[in-house]
């Protein structure tokens, strides 16, 4: 691997180290087209046309116009999805490789790569076809919510315990006041009785 190594390389013979393995060549647009077409046919999303029919809008054998274009459909889906994610117009046009629609931004826009990345990440979850990332985020949200519920229940339990403790302390204090009042009343009565008895003995 080096700075000039292709991101995607042509198919090669793994046993031919002298020519194929050590001398990678970038995959051509025709190679990408063929690979994607074969994948669509294998997935049942396309049918290879071997002769001209009513569905064939072209004179070339094997080409049938579809509702979703084989390659351009990716760009349309990407632009629509990024728009739904509220990405800035210039940023989404830049990310899909549009130049003319960006107008003067092509020459004057100096948005940093980190800013572009922030914009892209806003749409990343809904751009992915695989649900695993979205499901993982959903699980994370549910776990966070469950954690918050547990914390809330803990606080409620602590609050209820605190209320019970306060009620118990209030009851004890009330009993204390009641007993103190009874004792004071009893002492006052006894004191009064002593005073009366002393007066009678005079």
Foldseek 3Di string as FASTA:
>chain_A
DDPPDEPAFDDDDPVCCPPDVVDTDRDDPVNVVVVLVVVCVVVVNDDFFQDDDPQCPDPDHRDGDDPQDSPVNLLVVQLVLLVVLVADPLLSCVVSPHDVVNPCCNPPPPDDPVVSVVSCVSRVCVSDPDCPVVVVVVVVVVVVVVVVVVVVVVVVVVVVVVVVVVVVVVVVVVVVVVVVVVVVVVVVVVVVVVVVVVVVVD
